[in-house]
Amino acid sequence: MEILERFYADVTTHSPEWVLIWLHVLVGVLSLSLLFGLYRPEARAILFGTLLGMGMVIVIYAQFGFTRILGIGHILFWTPTLFYMLSLQGTSGVSKTWFGRWLWLAIPVMTISLGFDYFDLGRYLMGEREPIALANAS
């Protein structure tokens, strides 16, 4: 549990306000897969991929700290999850359901988040390996 407390402290103290707002949107939207997972096996698969990605971020954090490589945890599991979500769009059992409507919201949210993750990974691979800090922090 200590690692989760350290991660949360780093996120809240080293991230700009807009990132914290984005994280609340992301978690809020993706957590609805819990509700849909009660009766949709597709939502359980999405929840599984989402949780694996989040768990991998914590594993990477334990090794590398609060650096830009953290996004690879999402990239490894959320990219295939996103493609699965996209494959469900327009299918007869999904399109006119609340689950289908939620997918229309969850797909862009996950896509935007992955965009940030791929961008951060690129910055890490280009040599930006120091811990993430606010621009105005000393």
Protein backbone atom coordinates (compact mmCIF):
# COMPACT_ATOMS: atom_id res chain seq x y z
CA MET A 1 0.00 0.00 0.00
CA GLU A 2 2.92 2.32 0.63
CA ILE A 3 3.73 2.40 -3.10
CA LEU A 4 0.18 3.55 -3.90
CA GLU A 5 0.45 6.31 -1.30
CA ARG A 6 3.76 7.49 -2.77
CA PHE A 7 2.34 7.35 -6.30
CA TYR A 8 -0.73 9.35 -5.29
CA ALA A 9 1.45 11.91 -3.51
CA ASP A 10 3.65 12.30 -6.61
CA VAL A 11 0.67 12.66 -8.92
CA THR A 12 -1.02 15.27 -6.77
CA THR A 13 2.12 17.33 -6.04
CA HIS A 14 3.93 17.11 -9.40
CA SER A 15 1.07 17.35 -11.88
CA PRO A 16 -0.54 20.55 -13.15
CA GLU A 17 -4.16 21.19 -12.24
CA TRP A 18 -5.43 20.29 -15.72
CA VAL A 19 -3.83 16.82 -15.44
CA LEU A 20 -5.57 16.22 -12.12
CA ILE A 21 -8.89 17.24 -13.66
CA TRP A 22 -8.20 14.96 -16.65
CA LEU A 23 -7.42 12.04 -14.31
CA HIS A 24 -10.76 12.51 -12.58
CA VAL A 25 -12.57 12.49 -15.94
CA LEU A 26 -10.61 9.41 -17.05
CA VAL A 27 -11.27 7.45 -13.87
CA GLY A 28 -14.88 8.56 -13.76
CA VAL A 29 -15.63 7.46 -17.32
CA LEU A 30 -13.66 4.21 -17.26
CA SER A 31 -15.01 3.19 -13.85
CA LEU A 32 -18.47 2.91 -15.41
CA SER A 33 -17.22 -0.36 -16.89
CA LEU A 34 -17.80 -1.75 -13.37
CA LEU A 35 -21.51 -1.03 -13.68
CA PHE A 36 -21.79 -2.38 -17.23
CA GLY A 37 -19.66 -5.38 -16.24
CA LEU A 38 -22.50 -6.64 -14.09
CA TYR A 39 -24.38 -7.71 -17.21
CA ARG A 40 -22.04 -7.26 -20.21
CA PRO A 41 -19.08 -9.62 -20.74
CA GLU A 42 -17.57 -7.02 -23.10
CA ALA A 43 -17.46 -4.50 -20.24
CA ARG A 44 -15.69 -7.05 -18.04
CA ALA A 45 -13.01 -7.44 -20.72
CA ILE A 46 -12.65 -3.63 -20.91
CA LEU A 47 -12.45 -3.42 -17.12
CA PHE A 48 -9.78 -6.14 -17.09
CA GLY A 49 -7.64 -4.28 -19.66
CA THR A 50 -8.13 -1.00 -17.83
CA LEU A 51 -7.08 -2.46 -14.48
CA LEU A 52 -4.08 -4.25 -15.99
CA GLY A 53 -2.90 -0.94 -17.46
CA MET A 54 -3.32 0.87 -14.17
CA GLY A 55 -1.56 -1.93 -12.29
CA MET A 56 1.35 -1.90 -14.73
CA VAL A 57 1.78 1.84 -14.18
CA ILE A 58 2.30 1.14 -10.46
CA VAL A 59 4.82 -1.63 -11.24
CA ILE A 60 6.75 0.74 -13.52
CA TYR A 61 6.52 3.52 -10.92
CA ALA A 62 8.13 1.20 -8.34
CA GLN A 63 11.09 0.72 -10.71
CA PHE A 64 11.50 4.14 -12.34
CA GLY A 65 9.70 6.61 -10.09
CA PHE A 66 7.50 9.42 -11.38
CA THR A 67 9.04 9.62 -14.86
CA ARG A 68 7.66 9.78 -18.38
CA ILE A 69 8.02 6.04 -18.92
CA LEU A 70 4.94 5.45 -16.75
CA GLY A 71 2.71 5.69 -19.82
CA ILE A 72 4.05 2.42 -21.18
CA GLY A 73 1.89 0.64 -18.60
CA HIS A 74 -1.20 2.08 -20.23
CA ILE A 75 0.18 1.61 -23.74
CA LEU A 76 0.77 -2.12 -23.27
CA PHE A 77 -2.75 -2.89 -22.07
CA TRP A 78 -4.94 0.02 -23.15
CA THR A 79 -3.99 -0.05 -26.82
CA PRO A 80 -5.42 -3.56 -27.35
CA THR A 81 -8.35 -2.65 -25.08
CA LEU A 82 -9.05 0.39 -27.23
CA PHE A 83 -8.99 -1.69 -30.42
CA TYR A 84 -11.41 -4.13 -28.77
CA MET A 85 -13.69 -1.24 -27.82
CA LEU A 86 -13.57 0.06 -31.39
CA SER A 87 -14.44 -3.38 -32.72
CA LEU A 88 -17.64 -3.37 -30.66
CA GLN A 89 -18.91 -0.13 -32.17
CA GLY A 90 -21.75 -0.64 -34.61
CA THR A 91 -22.42 -4.26 -33.68
CA SER A 92 -26.08 -5.08 -33.32
CA GLY A 93 -25.89 -6.04 -29.65
CA VAL A 94 -24.14 -2.82 -28.68
CA SER A 95 -25.08 0.11 -30.90
CA LYS A 96 -28.45 1.11 -29.40
CA THR A 97 -27.73 0.28 -25.77
CA TRP A 98 -26.51 2.31 -22.79
CA PHE A 99 -23.31 0.31 -23.03
CA GLY A 100 -22.92 1.43 -26.64
CA ARG A 101 -23.51 5.05 -25.64
CA TRP A 102 -20.90 4.70 -22.91
CA LEU A 103 -18.44 3.34 -25.50
CA TRP A 104 -18.90 6.54 -27.52
CA LEU A 105 -17.67 8.41 -24.45
CA ALA A 106 -15.03 5.93 -23.25
CA ILE A 107 -13.30 5.53 -26.63
CA PRO A 108 -12.30 9.19 -27.05
CA VAL A 109 -11.35 9.44 -23.37
CA MET A 110 -9.04 6.43 -23.61
CA THR A 111 -7.69 7.62 -26.98
CA ILE A 112 -6.77 11.02 -25.57
CA SER A 113 -5.14 9.41 -22.55
CA LEU A 114 -3.13 7.08 -24.77
CA GLY A 115 -2.07 10.08 -26.85
CA PHE A 116 -0.55 11.63 -23.72
CA ASP A 117 1.08 8.30 -22.86
CA TYR A 118 2.64 7.83 -26.32
CA PHE A 119 3.86 11.45 -26.25
CA ASP A 120 5.44 10.99 -22.81
CA LEU A 121 7.04 7.71 -23.86
CA GLY A 122 8.53 9.46 -26.89
CA ARG A 123 9.95 12.16 -24.64
CA TYR A 124 11.41 9.48 -22.36
CA LEU A 125 13.01 7.66 -25.29
CA MET A 126 14.46 10.97 -26.51
CA GLY A 127 16.30 11.30 -23.20
CA GLU A 128 13.90 13.12 -20.86
CA ARG A 129 14.37 10.73 -17.95
CA GLU A 130 14.32 12.97 -14.89
CA PRO A 131 11.33 12.80 -12.53
CA ILE A 132 8.32 14.76 -13.69
CA ALA A 133 8.00 18.11 -11.90
CA LEU A 134 5.88 21.19 -12.29
CA ALA A 135 7.55 23.80 -14.50
CA ASN A 136 7.54 26.43 -11.75
CA ALA A 137 8.72 24.03 -9.01
CA SER A 138 12.19 24.58 -7.59
